[in-house]
Each structure stands twice: as C-alpha cells, then as structure tokens.
C-alpha cells in the first residue's frame, strides 16, 4: 500500500524511507501542499516497471484487440449513462443496508433467509 508523506517529513526521514523501500517493499507518494509530486520506490520495483514499459512499447495492441477494447469502453460508457456512476450506486445501496448489529446479518450468516 502506498503511503502519502509530505516533502518536509520525507526530507528529514530520507534514509529511513529509502531503507523501507529497498528492503521492505514500501512505496511513498511524496506530496507538496497536498498535491502528489513523486513516488519513492525500491530499485527492484522500478526495474520491473521499466521492463513492463519496454515490453508494452515493443508489443503494440493488435487491431482486433484495439477494436474489442474500444467496444468495451463504448459499452461501459453507455451503461454509465443509463445506470449512473457505479461507485455512487454502491454507496447509496450500502447506506440502505441494516446496521452491523441488526439481526438480519445473523440470519444471513446462519442461512435462515
């Protein structure tokens, strides 16, 4: 999981942050005034990212794959236009669920519905 850290704090803890990225696999998003500016990651992860980037440049999408991708994006856009934003829909749905301590959940867990 990426961790946000301010530039001033990162500056004062740079050696520790580098150790955590190199040996602990952590990533830090460096921000200035609440705006993400850069990412601090371990060298192994950076090199894997570079390899993936190079492979993607060598293997452009086939015309068939690109056509299918465009069709899926168009379908997703039509569904969003018809049904609305899925995140907002899930938030609304979850707001209507019974509270955690409601007997409804006990019945669900026991299969008594």
PDB file of N, CA and C in Angstrom:
ATOM      1  N   UNK A   1       0.837  -1.171   0.000  1.00  0.00           N
ATOM      2  CA  UNK A   1       0.000   0.000   0.000  1.00  0.00           C
ATOM      3  C   UNK A   1       0.883   1.236   0.000  1.00  0.00           C
ATOM      4  N   UNK A   2       0.556   2.186  -0.841  1.00  0.00           N
ATOM      5  CA  UNK A   2       1.315   3.419  -0.910  1.00  0.00           C
ATOM      6  C   UNK A   2       1.001   4.289   0.296  1.00  0.00           C
ATOM      7  N   UNK A   3       2.000   4.988   0.779  1.00  0.00           N
ATOM      8  CA  UNK A   3       1.820   5.867   1.926  1.00  0.00           C
ATOM      9  C   UNK A   3       2.138   7.293   1.502  1.00  0.00           C
ATOM     10  N   UNK A   4       1.224   8.212   1.788  1.00  0.00           N
ATOM     11  CA  UNK A   4       1.458   9.618   1.494  1.00  0.00           C
ATOM     12  C   UNK A   4       2.377  10.207   2.549  1.00  0.00           C
ATOM     13  N   UNK A   5       3.298  11.054   2.096  1.00  0.00           N
ATOM     14  CA  UNK A   5       4.209  11.697   3.030  1.00  0.00           C
ATOM     15  C   UNK A   5       4.567  13.072   2.470  1.00  0.00           C
ATOM     16  N   UNK A   6       4.564  14.058   3.342  1.00  0.00           N
ATOM     17  CA  UNK A   6       4.912  15.409   2.927  1.00  0.00           C
ATOM     18  C   UNK A   6       6.392  15.526   2.614  1.00  0.00           C
ATOM     19  N   UNK A   7       6.723  16.503   1.791  1.00  0.00           N
ATOM     20  CA  UNK A   7       8.117  16.687   1.371  1.00  0.00           C
ATOM     21  C   UNK A   7       9.034  16.998   2.554  1.00  0.00           C
ATOM     22  N   UNK A   8       8.583  17.851   3.481  1.00  0.00           N
ATOM     23  CA  UNK A   8       9.433  18.205   4.625  1.00  0.00           C
ATOM     24  C   UNK A   8       9.723  16.980   5.480  1.00  0.00           C
ATOM     25  N   UNK A   9       8.693  16.163   5.721  1.00  0.00           N
ATOM     26  CA  UNK A   9       8.900  14.950   6.505  1.00  0.00           C
ATOM     27  C   UNK A   9       9.801  13.975   5.760  1.00  0.00           C
ATOM     28  N   UNK A  10       9.593  13.859   4.446  1.00  0.00           N
ATOM     29  CA  UNK A  10      10.420  12.951   3.646  1.00  0.00           C
ATOM     30  C   UNK A  10      11.880  13.376   3.687  1.00  0.00           C
ATOM     31  N   UNK A  11      12.095  14.673   3.635  1.00  0.00           N
ATOM     32  CA  UNK A  11      13.473  15.183   3.667  1.00  0.00           C
ATOM     33  C   UNK A  11      14.150  14.810   4.980  1.00  0.00           C
ATOM     34  N   UNK A  12      13.416  14.925   6.067  1.00  0.00           N
ATOM     35  CA  UNK A  12      14.022  14.637   7.370  1.00  0.00           C
ATOM     36  C   UNK A  12      14.178  13.142   7.633  1.00  0.00           C
ATOM     37  N   UNK A  13      13.451  12.316   6.901  1.00  0.00           N
ATOM     38  CA  UNK A  13      13.490  10.865   7.121  1.00  0.00           C
ATOM     39  C   UNK A  13      13.980  10.101   5.893  1.00  0.00           C
ATOM     40  N   UNK A  14      14.686  10.763   5.006  1.00  0.00           N
ATOM     41  CA  UNK A  14      15.028  10.151   3.716  1.00  0.00           C
ATOM     42  C   UNK A  14      15.754   8.819   3.864  1.00  0.00           C
ATOM     43  N   UNK A  15      16.740   8.731   4.718  1.00  0.00           N
ATOM     44  CA  UNK A  15      17.494   7.478   4.859  1.00  0.00           C
ATOM     45  C   UNK A  15      16.573   6.340   5.303  1.00  0.00           C
ATOM     46  N   UNK A  16      15.686   6.612   6.221  1.00  0.00           N
ATOM     47  CA  UNK A  16      14.745   5.593   6.695  1.00  0.00           C
ATOM     48  C   UNK A  16      13.779   5.189   5.580  1.00  0.00           C
ATOM     49  N   UNK A  17      13.288   6.175   4.842  1.00  0.00           N
ATOM     50  CA  UNK A  17      12.345   5.876   3.753  1.00  0.00           C
ATOM     51  C   UNK A  17      13.001   5.031   2.673  1.00  0.00           C
ATOM     52  N   UNK A  18      14.230   5.359   2.344  1.00  0.00           N
ATOM     53  CA  UNK A  18      14.960   4.577   1.336  1.00  0.00           C
ATOM     54  C   UNK A  18      15.128   3.141   1.820  1.00  0.00           C
ATOM     55  N   UNK A  19      15.459   2.955   3.075  1.00  0.00           N
ATOM     56  CA  UNK A  19      15.574   1.603   3.623  1.00  0.00           C
ATOM     57  C   UNK A  19      14.265   0.844   3.557  1.00  0.00           C
ATOM     58  N   UNK A  20      13.173   1.526   3.874  1.00  0.00           N
ATOM     59  CA  UNK A  20      11.865   0.870   3.837  1.00  0.00           C
ATOM     60  C   UNK A  20      11.465   0.494   2.416  1.00  0.00           C
ATOM     61  N   UNK A  21      11.868   1.288   1.427  1.00  0.00           N
ATOM     62  CA  UNK A  21      11.545   0.943   0.044  1.00  0.00           C
ATOM     63  C   UNK A  21      12.452  -0.172  -0.462  1.00  0.00           C
ATOM     64  N   UNK A  22      13.739  -0.076  -0.141  1.00  0.00           N
ATOM     65  CA  UNK A  22      14.703  -1.056  -0.653  1.00  0.00           C
ATOM     66  C   UNK A  22      14.528  -2.422  -0.016  1.00  0.00           C
ATOM     67  N   UNK A  23      14.268  -2.456   1.286  1.00  0.00           N
ATOM     68  CA  UNK A  23      14.234  -3.735   1.990  1.00  0.00           C
ATOM     69  C   UNK A  23      12.838  -4.166   2.421  1.00  0.00           C
ATOM     70  N   UNK A  24      11.938  -3.220   2.530  1.00  0.00           N
ATOM     71  CA  UNK A  24      10.591  -3.546   2.997  1.00  0.00           C
ATOM     72  C   UNK A  24       9.536  -3.535   1.907  1.00  0.00           C
ATOM     73  N   UNK A  25       9.915  -3.132   0.703  1.00  0.00           N
ATOM     74  CA  UNK A  25       8.968  -3.134  -0.408  1.00  0.00           C
ATOM     75  C   UNK A  25       7.914  -2.047  -0.329  1.00  0.00           C
ATOM     76  N   UNK A  26       8.106  -1.057   0.522  1.00  0.00           N
ATOM     77  CA  UNK A  26       7.115   0.016   0.646  1.00  0.00           C
ATOM     78  C   UNK A  26       7.291   1.039  -0.466  1.00  0.00           C
ATOM     79  N   UNK A  27       6.212   1.783  -0.722  1.00  0.00           N
ATOM     80  CA  UNK A  27       6.238   2.902  -1.663  1.00  0.00           C
ATOM     81  C   UNK A  27       5.703   4.123  -0.939  1.00  0.00           C
ATOM     82  N   UNK A  28       6.278   5.259  -1.241  1.00  0.00           N
ATOM     83  CA  UNK A  28       5.840   6.508  -0.639  1.00  0.00           C
ATOM     84  C   UNK A  28       5.503   7.499  -1.746  1.00  0.00           C
ATOM     85  N   UNK A  29       4.347   8.112  -1.631  1.00  0.00           N
ATOM     86  CA  UNK A  29       3.964   9.183  -2.543  1.00  0.00           C
ATOM     87  C   UNK A  29       4.325  10.489  -1.847  1.00  0.00           C
ATOM     88  N   UNK A  30       5.245  11.211  -2.449  1.00  0.00           N
ATOM     89  CA  UNK A  30       5.702  12.471  -1.883  1.00  0.00           C
ATOM     90  C   UNK A  30       4.775  13.579  -2.362  1.00  0.00           C
ATOM     91  N   UNK A  31       4.276  14.355  -1.405  1.00  0.00           N
ATOM     92  CA  UNK A  31       3.353  15.416  -1.775  1.00  0.00           C
ATOM     93  C   UNK A  31       3.814  16.758  -1.233  1.00  0.00           C
ATOM     94  N   UNK A  32       3.440  17.782  -1.960  1.00  0.00           N
ATOM     95  CA  UNK A  32       3.726  19.154  -1.562  1.00  0.00           C
ATOM     96  C   UNK A  32       2.408  19.902  -1.558  1.00  0.00           C
ATOM     97  N   UNK A  33       2.082  20.467  -0.399  1.00  0.00           N
ATOM     98  CA  UNK A  33       0.827  21.206  -0.224  1.00  0.00           C
ATOM     99  C   UNK A  33      -0.375  20.355  -0.621  1.00  0.00           C
ATOM    100  N   UNK A  34      -0.321  19.069  -0.260  1.00  0.00           N
ATOM    101  CA  UNK A  34      -1.435  18.160  -0.515  1.00  0.00           C
ATOM    102  C   UNK A  34      -1.513  17.627  -1.929  1.00  0.00           C
ATOM    103  N   UNK A  35      -0.561  17.995  -2.780  1.00  0.00           N
ATOM    104  CA  UNK A  35      -0.576  17.535  -4.180  1.00  0.00           C
ATOM    105  C   UNK A  35       0.531  16.512  -4.400  1.00  0.00           C
ATOM    106  N   UNK A  36       0.190  15.301  -4.891  1.00  0.00           N
ATOM    107  CA  UNK A  36       1.216  14.291  -5.168  1.00  0.00           C
ATOM    108  C   UNK A  36       2.218  14.810  -6.202  1.00  0.00           C
ATOM    109  N   UNK A  37       3.505  14.640  -5.891  1.00  0.00           N
ATOM    110  CA  UNK A  37       4.553  15.162  -6.764  1.00  0.00           C
ATOM    111  C   UNK A  37       5.468  14.077  -7.333  1.00  0.00           C
ATOM    112  N   UNK A  38       5.727  13.025  -6.541  1.00  0.00           N
ATOM    113  CA  UNK A  38       6.669  11.991  -6.965  1.00  0.00           C
ATOM    114  C   UNK A  38       6.419  10.729  -6.146  1.00  0.00           C
ATOM    115  N   UNK A  39       7.045   9.635  -6.595  1.00  0.00           N
ATOM    116  CA  UNK A  39       6.924   8.358  -5.891  1.00  0.00           C
ATOM    117  C   UNK A  39       8.318   7.864  -5.545  1.00  0.00           C
ATOM    118  N   UNK A  40       8.468   7.405  -4.322  1.00  0.00           N
ATOM    119  CA  UNK A  40       9.720   6.791  -3.882  1.00  0.00           C
ATOM    120  C   UNK A  40       9.472   5.289  -3.809  1.00  0.00           C
ATOM    121  N   UNK A  41      10.210   4.526  -4.621  1.00  0.00           N
ATOM    122  CA  UNK A  41      10.047   3.071  -4.652  1.00  0.00           C
ATOM    123  C   UNK A  41      11.404   2.414  -4.719  1.00  0.00           C
ATOM    124  N   UNK A  42      11.431   1.148  -4.385  1.00  0.00           N
ATOM    125  CA  UNK A  42      12.667   0.389  -4.436  1.00  0.00           C
ATOM    126  C   UNK A  42      13.158   0.180  -5.856  1.00  0.00           C
ATOM    127  N   UNK A  43      14.451  -0.046  -5.998  1.00  0.00           N
ATOM    128  CA  UNK A  43      15.062  -0.219  -7.313  1.00  0.00           C
ATOM    129  C   UNK A  43      14.534  -1.450  -8.038  1.00  0.00           C
ATOM    130  N   UNK A  44      14.293  -2.542  -7.314  1.00  0.00           N
ATOM    131  CA  UNK A  44      13.759  -3.750  -7.951  1.00  0.00           C
ATOM    132  C   UNK A  44      12.407  -3.464  -8.601  1.00  0.00           C
ATOM    133  N   UNK A  45      11.547  -2.764  -7.867  1.00  0.00           N
ATOM    134  CA  UNK A  45      10.232  -2.442  -8.411  1.00  0.00           C
ATOM    135  C   UNK A  45      10.347  -1.499  -9.604  1.00  0.00           C
ATOM    136  N   UNK A  46      11.242  -0.541  -9.520  1.00  0.00           N
ATOM    137  CA  UNK A  46      11.460   0.390 -10.623  1.00  0.00           C
ATOM    138  C   UNK A  46      11.928  -0.351 -11.874  1.00  0.00           C
ATOM    139  N   UNK A  47      12.858  -1.281 -11.701  1.00  0.00           N
ATOM    140  CA  UNK A  47      13.358  -2.025 -12.861  1.00  0.00           C
ATOM    141  C   UNK A  47      12.262  -2.910 -13.470  1.00  0.00           C
ATOM    142  N   UNK A  48      11.402  -3.515 -12.629  1.00  0.00           N
ATOM    143  CA  UNK A  48      10.274  -4.292 -13.166  1.00  0.00           C
ATOM    144  C   UNK A  48       9.338  -3.394 -13.971  1.00  0.00           C
ATOM    145  N   UNK A  49       9.105  -2.204 -13.461  1.00  0.00           N
ATOM    146  CA  UNK A  49       8.253  -1.249 -14.163  1.00  0.00           C
ATOM    147  C   UNK A  49       8.850  -0.866 -15.506  1.00  0.00           C
ATOM    148  N   UNK A  50      10.150  -0.649 -15.543  1.00  0.00           N
ATOM    149  CA  UNK A  50      10.826  -0.304 -16.802  1.00  0.00           C
ATOM    150  C   UNK A  50      10.743  -1.442 -17.814  1.00  0.00           C
ATOM    151  N   UNK A  51      10.892  -2.682 -17.348  1.00  0.00           N
ATOM    152  CA  UNK A  51      10.785  -3.844 -18.236  1.00  0.00           C
ATOM    153  C   UNK A  51       9.379  -3.924 -18.819  1.00  0.00           C
ATOM    154  N   UNK A  52       8.370  -3.755 -17.972  1.00  0.00           N
ATOM    155  CA  UNK A  52       6.985  -3.782 -18.464  1.00  0.00           C
ATOM    156  C   UNK A  52       6.738  -2.679 -19.479  1.00  0.00           C
ATOM    157  N   UNK A  53       7.277  -1.516 -19.211  1.00  0.00           N
ATOM    158  CA  UNK A  53       7.132  -0.384 -20.122  1.00  0.00           C
ATOM    159  C   UNK A  53       7.772  -0.685 -21.477  1.00  0.00           C
ATOM    160  N   UNK A  54       8.968  -1.261 -21.451  1.00  0.00           N
ATOM    161  CA  UNK A  54       9.664  -1.597 -22.696  1.00  0.00           C
ATOM    162  C   UNK A  54       8.912  -2.671 -23.475  1.00  0.00           C
ATOM    163  N   UNK A  55       8.379  -3.674 -22.765  1.00  0.00           N
ATOM    164  CA  UNK A  55       7.615  -4.724 -23.437  1.00  0.00           C
ATOM    165  C   UNK A  55       6.350  -4.164 -24.072  1.00  0.00           C
ATOM    166  N   UNK A  56       5.699  -3.261 -23.396  1.00  0.00           N
ATOM    167  CA  UNK A  56       4.468  -2.668 -23.923  1.00  0.00           C
ATOM    168  C   UNK A  56       4.761  -1.871 -25.185  1.00  0.00           C
ATOM    169  N   UNK A  57       5.907  -1.208 -25.238  1.00  0.00           N
ATOM    170  CA  UNK A  57       6.266  -0.439 -26.423  1.00  0.00           C
ATOM    171  C   UNK A  57       6.625  -1.341 -27.596  1.00  0.00           C
ATOM    172  N   UNK A  58       7.181  -2.511 -27.309  1.00  0.00           N
ATOM    173  CA  UNK A  58       7.549  -3.447 -28.378  1.00  0.00           C
ATOM    174  C   UNK A  58       6.344  -4.200 -28.913  1.00  0.00           C
ATOM    175  N   UNK A  59       5.318  -4.349 -28.107  1.00  0.00           N
ATOM    176  CA  UNK A  59       4.158  -5.141 -28.500  1.00  0.00           C
ATOM    177  C   UNK A  59       2.910  -4.259 -28.546  1.00  0.00           C
ATOM    178  N   UNK A  60       2.745  -3.506 -29.633  1.00  0.00           N
ATOM    179  CA  UNK A  60       1.550  -2.676 -29.725  1.00  0.00           C
ATOM    180  C   UNK A  60       0.298  -3.558 -29.801  1.00  0.00           C
ATOM    181  N   UNK A  61      -0.820  -2.990 -29.409  1.00  0.00           N
ATOM    182  CA  UNK A  61      -2.068  -3.740 -29.442  1.00  0.00           C
ATOM    183  C   UNK A  61      -2.424  -4.126 -30.869  1.00  0.00           C
ATOM    184  N   UNK A  62      -2.880  -5.350 -31.021  1.00  0.00           N
ATOM    185  CA  UNK A  62      -3.313  -5.788 -32.342  1.00  0.00           C
ATOM    186  C   UNK A  62      -4.588  -5.015 -32.707  1.00  0.00           C
ATOM    187  N   UNK A  63      -4.867  -4.866 -34.013  1.00  0.00           N
ATOM    188  CA  UNK A  63      -6.086  -4.167 -34.413  1.00  0.00           C
ATOM    189  C   UNK A  63      -7.349  -4.810 -33.823  1.00  0.00           C
ATOM    190  N   UNK A  64      -7.375  -6.146 -33.740  1.00  0.00           N
ATOM    191  CA  UNK A  64      -8.531  -6.830 -33.174  1.00  0.00           C
ATOM    192  C   UNK A  64      -8.680  -6.516 -31.689  1.00  0.00           C
ATOM    193  N   UNK A  65      -7.575  -6.549 -30.968  1.00  0.00           N
ATOM    194  CA  UNK A  65      -7.626  -6.244 -29.536  1.00  0.00           C
ATOM    195  C   UNK A  65      -8.063  -4.793 -29.326  1.00  0.00           C
ATOM    196  N   UNK A  66      -7.522  -3.883 -30.120  1.00  0.00           N
ATOM    197  CA  UNK A  66      -7.889  -2.470 -30.007  1.00  0.00           C
ATOM    198  C   UNK A  66      -9.385  -2.281 -30.297  1.00  0.00           C
ATOM    199  N   UNK A  67      -9.918  -2.996 -31.312  1.00  0.00           N
ATOM    200  CA  UNK A  67     -11.336  -2.891 -31.642  1.00  0.00           C
ATOM    201  C   UNK A  67     -12.188  -3.387 -30.485  1.00  0.00           C
ATOM    202  N   UNK A  68     -11.790  -4.525 -29.907  1.00  0.00           N
ATOM    203  CA  UNK A  68     -12.545  -5.076 -28.771  1.00  0.00           C
ATOM    204  C   UNK A  68     -12.467  -4.148 -27.561  1.00  0.00           C
ATOM    205  N   UNK A  69     -11.303  -3.570 -27.334  1.00  0.00           N
ATOM    206  CA  UNK A  69     -11.140  -2.632 -26.221  1.00  0.00           C
ATOM    207  C   UNK A  69     -12.058  -1.415 -26.413  1.00  0.00           C
ATOM    208  N   UNK A  70     -12.096  -0.873 -27.617  1.00  0.00           N
ATOM    209  CA  UNK A  70     -12.953   0.281 -27.893  1.00  0.00           C
ATOM    210  C   UNK A  70     -14.431  -0.071 -27.732  1.00  0.00           C
ATOM    211  N   UNK A  71     -14.809  -1.286 -28.136  1.00  0.00           N
ATOM    212  CA  UNK A  71     -16.200  -1.717 -27.976  1.00  0.00           C
ATOM    213  C   UNK A  71     -16.565  -1.833 -26.500  1.00  0.00           C
ATOM    214  N   UNK A  72     -15.657  -2.377 -25.687  1.00  0.00           N
ATOM    215  CA  UNK A  72     -15.926  -2.491 -24.246  1.00  0.00           C
ATOM    216  C   UNK A  72     -16.032  -1.122 -23.583  1.00  0.00           C
ATOM    217  N   UNK A  73     -15.160  -0.203 -23.964  1.00  0.00           N
ATOM    218  CA  UNK A  73     -15.218   1.144 -23.393  1.00  0.00           C
ATOM    219  C   UNK A  73     -16.527   1.825 -23.796  1.00  0.00           C
ATOM    220  N   UNK A  74     -16.935   1.666 -25.053  1.00  0.00           N
ATOM    221  CA  UNK A  74     -18.191   2.263 -25.505  1.00  0.00           C
ATOM    222  C   UNK A  74     -19.377   1.667 -24.746  1.00  0.00           C
ATOM    223  N   UNK A  75     -19.355   0.358 -24.532  1.00  0.00           N
ATOM    224  CA  UNK A  75     -20.439  -0.284 -23.785  1.00  0.00           C
ATOM    225  C   UNK A  75     -20.470   0.195 -22.337  1.00  0.00           C
ATOM    226  N   UNK A  76     -19.299   0.316 -21.728  1.00  0.00           N
ATOM    227  CA  UNK A  76     -19.223   0.809 -20.346  1.00  0.00           C
ATOM    228  C   UNK A  76     -19.763   2.235 -20.258  1.00  0.00           C
ATOM    229  N   UNK A  77     -19.443   3.061 -21.247  1.00  0.00           N
ATOM    230  CA  UNK A  77     -19.946   4.436 -21.257  1.00  0.00           C
ATOM    231  C   UNK A  77     -21.465   4.474 -21.413  1.00  0.00           C
ATOM    232  N   UNK A  78     -22.012   3.586 -22.237  1.00  0.00           N
ATOM    233  CA  UNK A  78     -23.481   3.533 -22.397  1.00  0.00           C
ATOM    234  C   UNK A  78     -24.145   3.091 -21.101  1.00  0.00           C
ATOM    235  N   UNK A  79     -23.552   2.074 -20.437  1.00  0.00           N
ATOM    236  CA  UNK A  79     -24.102   1.614 -19.154  1.00  0.00           C
ATOM    237  C   UNK A  79     -24.035   2.716 -18.098  1.00  0.00           C
ATOM    238  N   UNK A  80     -22.935   3.432 -18.056  1.00  0.00           N
ATOM    239  CA  UNK A  80     -22.799   4.532 -17.089  1.00  0.00           C
ATOM    240  C   UNK A  80     -23.848   5.611 -17.365  1.00  0.00           C
ATOM    241  N   UNK A  81     -24.073   5.913 -18.647  1.00  0.00           N
ATOM    242  CA  UNK A  81     -25.075   6.926 -18.993  1.00  0.00           C
ATOM    243  C   UNK A  81     -26.479   6.463 -18.599  1.00  0.00           C
ATOM    244  N   UNK A  82     -26.742   5.181 -18.767  1.00  0.00           N
ATOM    245  CA  UNK A  82     -28.079   4.650 -18.471  1.00  0.00           C
ATOM    246  C   UNK A  82     -28.288   4.410 -16.980  1.00  0.00           C
ATOM    247  N   UNK A  83     -27.263   3.887 -16.292  1.00  0.00           N
ATOM    248  CA  UNK A  83     -27.433   3.473 -14.900  1.00  0.00           C
ATOM    249  C   UNK A  83     -26.784   4.412 -13.885  1.00  0.00           C
ATOM    250  N   UNK A  84     -25.950   5.330 -14.340  1.00  0.00           N
ATOM    251  CA  UNK A  84     -25.272   6.242 -13.427  1.00  0.00           C
ATOM    252  C   UNK A  84     -23.928   5.703 -12.987  1.00  0.00           C
ATOM    253  N   UNK A  85     -23.288   6.481 -12.142  1.00  0.00           N
ATOM    254  CA  UNK A  85     -21.964   6.136 -11.646  1.00  0.00           C
ATOM    255  C   UNK A  85     -22.053   4.926 -10.728  1.00  0.00           C
ATOM    256  N   UNK A  86     -21.306   3.834 -11.009  1.00  0.00           N
ATOM    257  CA  UNK A  86     -21.401   2.634 -10.175  1.00  0.00           C
ATOM    258  C   UNK A  86     -20.940   2.859  -8.740  1.00  0.00           C
ATOM    259  N   UNK A  87     -19.963   3.724  -8.531  1.00  0.00           N
ATOM    260  CA  UNK A  87     -19.483   3.978  -7.173  1.00  0.00           C
ATOM    261  C   UNK A  87     -20.575   4.662  -6.359  1.00  0.00           C
ATOM    262  N   UNK A  88     -21.231   5.655  -6.959  1.00  0.00           N
ATOM    263  CA  UNK A  88     -22.322   6.340  -6.259  1.00  0.00           C
ATOM    264  C   UNK A  88     -23.466   5.369  -5.988  1.00  0.00           C
ATOM    265  N   UNK A  89     -23.739   4.472  -6.955  1.00  0.00           N
ATOM    266  CA  UNK A  89     -24.797   3.482  -6.767  1.00  0.00           C
ATOM    267  C   UNK A  89     -24.492   2.536  -5.622  1.00  0.00           C
ATOM    268  N   UNK A  90     -23.253   2.093  -5.518  1.00  0.00           N
ATOM    269  CA  UNK A  90     -22.862   1.211  -4.410  1.00  0.00           C
ATOM    270  C   UNK A  90     -22.932   1.936  -3.075  1.00  0.00           C
ATOM    271  N   UNK A  91     -22.542   3.213  -3.072  1.00  0.00           N
ATOM    272  CA  UNK A  91     -22.607   3.991  -1.830  1.00  0.00           C
ATOM    273  C   UNK A  91     -24.056   4.125  -1.369  1.00  0.00           C
ATOM    274  N   UNK A  92     -24.952   4.385  -2.316  1.00  0.00           N
ATOM    275  CA  UNK A  92     -26.366   4.502  -1.963  1.00  0.00           C
ATOM    276  C   UNK A  92     -26.909   3.164  -1.457  1.00  0.00           C
ATOM    277  N   UNK A  93     -26.557   2.086  -2.144  1.00  0.00           N
ATOM    278  CA  UNK A  93     -27.021   0.767  -1.743  1.00  0.00           C
ATOM    279  C   UNK A  93     -26.524   0.417  -0.339  1.00  0.00           C
ATOM    280  N   UNK A  94     -25.256   0.649  -0.084  1.00  0.00           N
ATOM    281  CA  UNK A  94     -24.721   0.303   1.231  1.00  0.00           C
ATOM    282  C   UNK A  94     -25.307   1.178   2.332  1.00  0.00           C
ATOM    283  N   UNK A  95     -25.717   2.394   1.996  1.00  0.00           N
ATOM    284  CA  UNK A  95     -26.318   3.260   3.016  1.00  0.00           C
ATOM    285  C   UNK A  95     -27.700   2.766   3.426  1.00  0.00           C
ATOM    286  N   UNK A  96     -28.313   1.942   2.583  1.00  0.00           N
ATOM    287  CA  UNK A  96     -29.646   1.423   2.896  1.00  0.00           C
ATOM    288  C   UNK A  96     -29.610   0.060   3.583  1.00  0.00           C
ATOM    289  N   UNK A  97     -28.417  -0.500   3.765  1.00  0.00           N
ATOM    290  CA  UNK A  97     -28.304  -1.797   4.435  1.00  0.00           C
ATOM    291  C   UNK A  97     -28.543  -1.640   5.932  1.00  0.00           C
ATOM    292  N   UNK A  98     -29.024  -2.686   6.568  1.00  0.00           N
ATOM    293  CA  UNK A  98     -29.238  -2.618   8.016  1.00  0.00           C
ATOM    294  C   UNK A  98     -27.913  -2.419   8.754  1.00  0.00           C
ATOM    295  N   UNK A  99     -27.965  -1.865   9.975  1.00  0.00           N
ATOM    296  CA  UNK A  99     -26.745  -1.688  10.759  1.00  0.00           C
ATOM    297  C   UNK A  99     -26.063  -3.021  11.052  1.00  0.00           C
ATOM    298  N   UNK A 100     -24.792  -2.966  11.393  1.00  0.00           N
ATOM    299  CA  UNK A 100     -23.989  -4.164  11.630  1.00  0.00           C
ATOM    300  C   UNK A 100     -24.581  -5.077  12.702  1.00  0.00           C
ATOM    301  N   UNK A 101     -25.196  -4.472  13.718  1.00  0.00           N
ATOM    302  CA  UNK A 101     -25.714  -5.277  14.823  1.00  0.00           C
ATOM    303  C   UNK A 101     -27.157  -5.735  14.610  1.00  0.00           C
ATOM    304  N   UNK A 102     -27.695  -5.521  13.408  1.00  0.00           N
ATOM    305  CA  UNK A 102     -29.064  -5.930  13.095  1.00  0.00           C
ATOM    306  C   UNK A 102     -29.148  -7.459  12.985  1.00  0.00           C
ATOM    307  N   UNK A 103     -30.249  -8.030  13.385  1.00  0.00           N
ATOM    308  CA  UNK A 103     -30.443  -9.485  13.338  1.00  0.00           C
ATOM    309  C   UNK A 103     -30.421 -10.013  11.893  1.00  0.00           C
ATOM    310  N   UNK A 104     -30.684  -9.148  10.940  1.00  0.00           N
ATOM    311  CA  UNK A 104     -30.653  -9.506   9.521  1.00  0.00           C
ATOM    312  C   UNK A 104     -29.336 -10.209   9.175  1.00  0.00           C
ATOM    313  N   UNK A 105     -28.200  -9.667   9.644  1.00  0.00           N
ATOM    314  CA  UNK A 105     -26.891 -10.217   9.307  1.00  0.00           C
ATOM    315  C   UNK A 105     -26.673 -11.571   9.964  1.00  0.00           C
ATOM    316  N   UNK A 106     -27.211 -11.757  11.146  1.00  0.00           N
ATOM    317  CA  UNK A 106     -27.107 -13.050  11.810  1.00  0.00           C
ATOM    318  C   UNK A 106     -27.866 -14.107  11.009  1.00  0.00           C
ATOM    319  N   UNK A 107     -29.038 -13.734  10.521  1.00  0.00           N
ATOM    320  CA  UNK A 107     -29.831 -14.658   9.713  1.00  0.00           C
ATOM    321  C   UNK A 107     -29.102 -14.993   8.412  1.00  0.00           C
ATOM    322  N   UNK A 108     -28.480 -14.013   7.812  1.00  0.00           N
ATOM    323  CA  UNK A 108     -27.713 -14.247   6.573  1.00  0.00           C
ATOM    324  C   UNK A 108     -26.572 -15.230   6.866  1.00  0.00           C
ATOM    325  N   UNK A 109     -25.845 -14.994   7.943  1.00  0.00           N
ATOM    326  CA  UNK A 109     -24.707 -15.847   8.283  1.00  0.00           C
ATOM    327  C   UNK A 109     -25.130 -17.275   8.571  1.00  0.00           C
ATOM    328  N   UNK A 110     -26.318 -17.437   9.167  1.00  0.00           N
ATOM    329  CA  UNK A 110     -26.807 -18.784   9.508  1.00  0.00           C
ATOM    330  C   UNK A 110     -27.585 -19.413   8.372  1.00  0.00           C
ATOM    331  N   UNK A 111     -27.857 -18.652   7.323  1.00  0.00           N
ATOM    332  CA  UNK A 111     -28.595 -19.189   6.182  1.00  0.00           C
ATOM    333  C   UNK A 111     -30.084 -19.365   6.441  1.00  0.00           C
ATOM    334  N   UNK A 112     -30.661 -18.523   7.305  1.00  0.00           N
ATOM    335  CA  UNK A 112     -32.076 -18.632   7.649  1.00  0.00           C
ATOM    336  C   UNK A 112     -32.965 -17.733   6.806  1.00  0.00           C
ATOM    337  N   UNK A 113     -32.514 -17.250   5.691  1.00  0.00           N
ATOM    338  CA  UNK A 113     -33.331 -16.321   4.913  1.00  0.00           C
ATOM    339  C   UNK A 113     -34.355 -17.022   4.069  1.00  0.00           C
TER     340      UNK A 113
END
